[in-house]
Amino acid sequence: MEKVDWSHPEHDEYNIKNQDGKVVESYTITAFDSPDALKQKLDKLVNRNPSNVKEAIEG
């Protein structure tokens, strides 16, 4: 994960990278109801290990 520097400082945006270092998803952390909800979403993404954004979204 890496923090994205963007024009909406009220939200924390992070790029999620796969094992090859490619950005496959981007999450606005404040959009999640709880840390557990974020963890569940990240766990699902990691378990799938998508190779690109399209694969991450379709999964």
N, C-alpha and C. Protein backbone atom coordinates (compact mmCIF):
# COMPACT_ATOMS: atom_id res chain seq x y z
N MET A 1 0.84 -1.17 0.00
CA MET A 1 0.00 0.00 0.00
C MET A 1 0.89 1.23 0.00
N GLU A 2 0.36 2.28 -0.65
CA GLU A 2 1.05 3.56 -0.58
C GLU A 2 0.01 4.67 -0.54
N LYS A 3 0.27 5.68 0.28
CA LYS A 3 -0.64 6.80 0.41
C LYS A 3 -0.59 7.62 -0.87
N VAL A 4 -1.76 8.02 -1.34
CA VAL A 4 -1.87 8.83 -2.55
C VAL A 4 -1.97 10.29 -2.15
N ASP A 5 -1.19 11.12 -2.78
CA ASP A 5 -1.25 12.56 -2.54
C ASP A 5 -2.26 13.14 -3.52
N TRP A 6 -3.46 13.48 -3.01
CA TRP A 6 -4.49 14.00 -3.90
C TRP A 6 -5.19 15.19 -3.30
N SER A 7 -6.07 15.81 -4.05
CA SER A 7 -6.63 17.12 -3.71
C SER A 7 -7.77 17.11 -2.71
N HIS A 8 -8.05 16.00 -2.08
CA HIS A 8 -9.13 15.93 -1.09
C HIS A 8 -8.53 15.55 0.27
N PRO A 9 -7.99 16.52 0.99
CA PRO A 9 -7.28 16.21 2.24
C PRO A 9 -8.18 15.63 3.34
N GLU A 10 -9.49 15.75 3.19
CA GLU A 10 -10.39 15.20 4.20
C GLU A 10 -10.51 13.68 4.10
N HIS A 11 -9.98 13.11 3.03
CA HIS A 11 -10.03 11.67 2.83
C HIS A 11 -8.61 11.12 2.67
N ASP A 12 -8.39 9.94 3.19
CA ASP A 12 -7.09 9.27 3.02
C ASP A 12 -7.24 8.21 1.95
N GLU A 13 -6.51 8.38 0.88
CA GLU A 13 -6.56 7.48 -0.28
C GLU A 13 -5.26 6.69 -0.35
N TYR A 14 -5.39 5.39 -0.60
CA TYR A 14 -4.22 4.52 -0.70
C TYR A 14 -4.31 3.67 -1.95
N ASN A 15 -3.20 3.54 -2.64
CA ASN A 15 -3.10 2.59 -3.75
C ASN A 15 -2.68 1.25 -3.18
N ILE A 16 -3.30 0.21 -3.69
CA ILE A 16 -2.96 -1.16 -3.28
C ILE A 16 -2.22 -1.80 -4.44
N LYS A 17 -1.04 -2.34 -4.15
CA LYS A 17 -0.22 -2.95 -5.19
C LYS A 17 -0.20 -4.46 -5.04
N ASN A 18 -0.04 -5.15 -6.17
CA ASN A 18 0.09 -6.61 -6.11
C ASN A 18 1.55 -6.96 -5.82
N GLN A 19 1.85 -8.24 -5.83
CA GLN A 19 3.21 -8.68 -5.50
C GLN A 19 4.24 -8.21 -6.51
N ASP A 20 3.80 -7.87 -7.73
CA ASP A 20 4.71 -7.37 -8.75
C ASP A 20 4.91 -5.86 -8.67
N GLY A 21 4.23 -5.20 -7.73
CA GLY A 21 4.36 -3.76 -7.56
C GLY A 21 3.43 -2.94 -8.41
N LYS A 22 2.49 -3.58 -9.12
CA LYS A 22 1.53 -2.85 -9.95
C LYS A 22 0.32 -2.44 -9.11
N VAL A 23 -0.16 -1.22 -9.31
CA VAL A 23 -1.36 -0.75 -8.61
C VAL A 23 -2.55 -1.50 -9.17
N VAL A 24 -3.29 -2.17 -8.30
CA VAL A 24 -4.45 -2.95 -8.73
C VAL A 24 -5.76 -2.43 -8.15
N GLU A 25 -5.67 -1.55 -7.18
CA GLU A 25 -6.89 -1.03 -6.55
C GLU A 25 -6.52 0.23 -5.80
N SER A 26 -7.51 1.06 -5.54
CA SER A 26 -7.31 2.27 -4.78
C SER A 26 -8.47 2.39 -3.80
N TYR A 27 -8.16 2.57 -2.52
CA TYR A 27 -9.19 2.63 -1.49
C TYR A 27 -9.16 3.98 -0.79
N THR A 28 -10.34 4.54 -0.58
CA THR A 28 -10.50 5.70 0.29
C THR A 28 -10.79 5.14 1.67
N ILE A 29 -9.85 5.27 2.55
CA ILE A 29 -9.93 4.62 3.86
C ILE A 29 -11.17 5.07 4.63
N THR A 30 -11.52 6.34 4.53
CA THR A 30 -12.68 6.85 5.27
C THR A 30 -14.00 6.31 4.75
N ALA A 31 -14.00 5.60 3.64
CA ALA A 31 -15.23 5.01 3.10
C ALA A 31 -15.63 3.73 3.83
N PHE A 32 -14.73 3.19 4.62
CA PHE A 32 -15.01 1.94 5.34
C PHE A 32 -15.62 2.24 6.70
N ASP A 33 -16.57 1.41 7.10
CA ASP A 33 -17.27 1.61 8.37
C ASP A 33 -16.40 1.35 9.59
N SER A 34 -15.40 0.49 9.43
CA SER A 34 -14.56 0.13 10.57
C SER A 34 -13.23 -0.41 10.06
N PRO A 35 -12.25 -0.47 10.95
CA PRO A 35 -10.98 -1.10 10.56
C PRO A 35 -11.17 -2.56 10.15
N ASP A 36 -12.11 -3.25 10.78
CA ASP A 36 -12.36 -4.65 10.41
C ASP A 36 -12.89 -4.77 8.99
N ALA A 37 -13.75 -3.84 8.58
CA ALA A 37 -14.29 -3.86 7.22
C ALA A 37 -13.17 -3.65 6.20
N LEU A 38 -12.26 -2.74 6.50
CA LEU A 38 -11.10 -2.52 5.63
C LEU A 38 -10.23 -3.76 5.58
N LYS A 39 -9.95 -4.36 6.73
CA LYS A 39 -9.13 -5.56 6.78
C LYS A 39 -9.74 -6.68 5.96
N GLN A 40 -11.05 -6.88 6.06
CA GLN A 40 -11.72 -7.92 5.29
C GLN A 40 -11.55 -7.68 3.79
N LYS A 41 -11.74 -6.44 3.36
CA LYS A 41 -11.60 -6.10 1.95
C LYS A 41 -10.16 -6.35 1.47
N LEU A 42 -9.19 -5.93 2.27
CA LEU A 42 -7.79 -6.15 1.91
C LEU A 42 -7.45 -7.63 1.88
N ASP A 43 -7.94 -8.39 2.86
CA ASP A 43 -7.67 -9.84 2.88
C ASP A 43 -8.20 -10.52 1.63
N LYS A 44 -9.40 -10.15 1.20
CA LYS A 44 -9.98 -10.74 -0.02
C LYS A 44 -9.11 -10.42 -1.23
N LEU A 45 -8.68 -9.17 -1.32
CA LEU A 45 -7.86 -8.74 -2.45
C LEU A 45 -6.52 -9.48 -2.45
N VAL A 46 -5.88 -9.58 -1.30
CA VAL A 46 -4.59 -10.26 -1.20
C VAL A 46 -4.72 -11.73 -1.57
N ASN A 47 -5.77 -12.36 -1.11
CA ASN A 47 -5.97 -13.78 -1.42
C ASN A 47 -6.16 -14.03 -2.91
N ARG A 48 -6.75 -13.08 -3.61
CA ARG A 48 -6.95 -13.23 -5.06
C ARG A 48 -5.68 -12.90 -5.84
N ASN A 49 -4.83 -12.00 -5.32
CA ASN A 49 -3.59 -11.58 -5.97
C ASN A 49 -3.81 -11.21 -7.43
N PRO A 50 -4.64 -10.20 -7.71
CA PRO A 50 -4.89 -9.81 -9.10
C PRO A 50 -3.63 -9.27 -9.77
N SER A 51 -3.57 -9.41 -11.08
CA SER A 51 -2.39 -8.95 -11.81
C SER A 51 -2.56 -7.54 -12.37
N ASN A 52 -3.79 -7.03 -12.35
CA ASN A 52 -4.02 -5.67 -12.86
C ASN A 52 -5.34 -5.13 -12.28
N VAL A 53 -5.63 -3.87 -12.56
CA VAL A 53 -6.84 -3.22 -12.02
C VAL A 53 -8.10 -3.91 -12.51
N LYS A 54 -8.16 -4.23 -13.79
CA LYS A 54 -9.35 -4.86 -14.35
C LYS A 54 -9.67 -6.17 -13.62
N GLU A 55 -8.66 -6.97 -13.39
CA GLU A 55 -8.84 -8.23 -12.69
C GLU A 55 -9.28 -8.00 -11.24
N ALA A 56 -8.76 -6.98 -10.61
CA ALA A 56 -9.14 -6.67 -9.23
C ALA A 56 -10.59 -6.25 -9.15
N ILE A 57 -11.03 -5.45 -10.09
CA ILE A 57 -12.41 -4.96 -10.09
C ILE A 57 -13.39 -6.08 -10.43
N GLU A 58 -13.03 -6.92 -11.38
CA GLU A 58 -13.92 -8.00 -11.81
C GLU A 58 -14.02 -9.12 -10.77
N GLY A 59 -12.99 -9.25 -9.94
CA GLY A 59 -12.93 -10.34 -8.99
C GLY A 59 -13.96 -10.25 -7.94
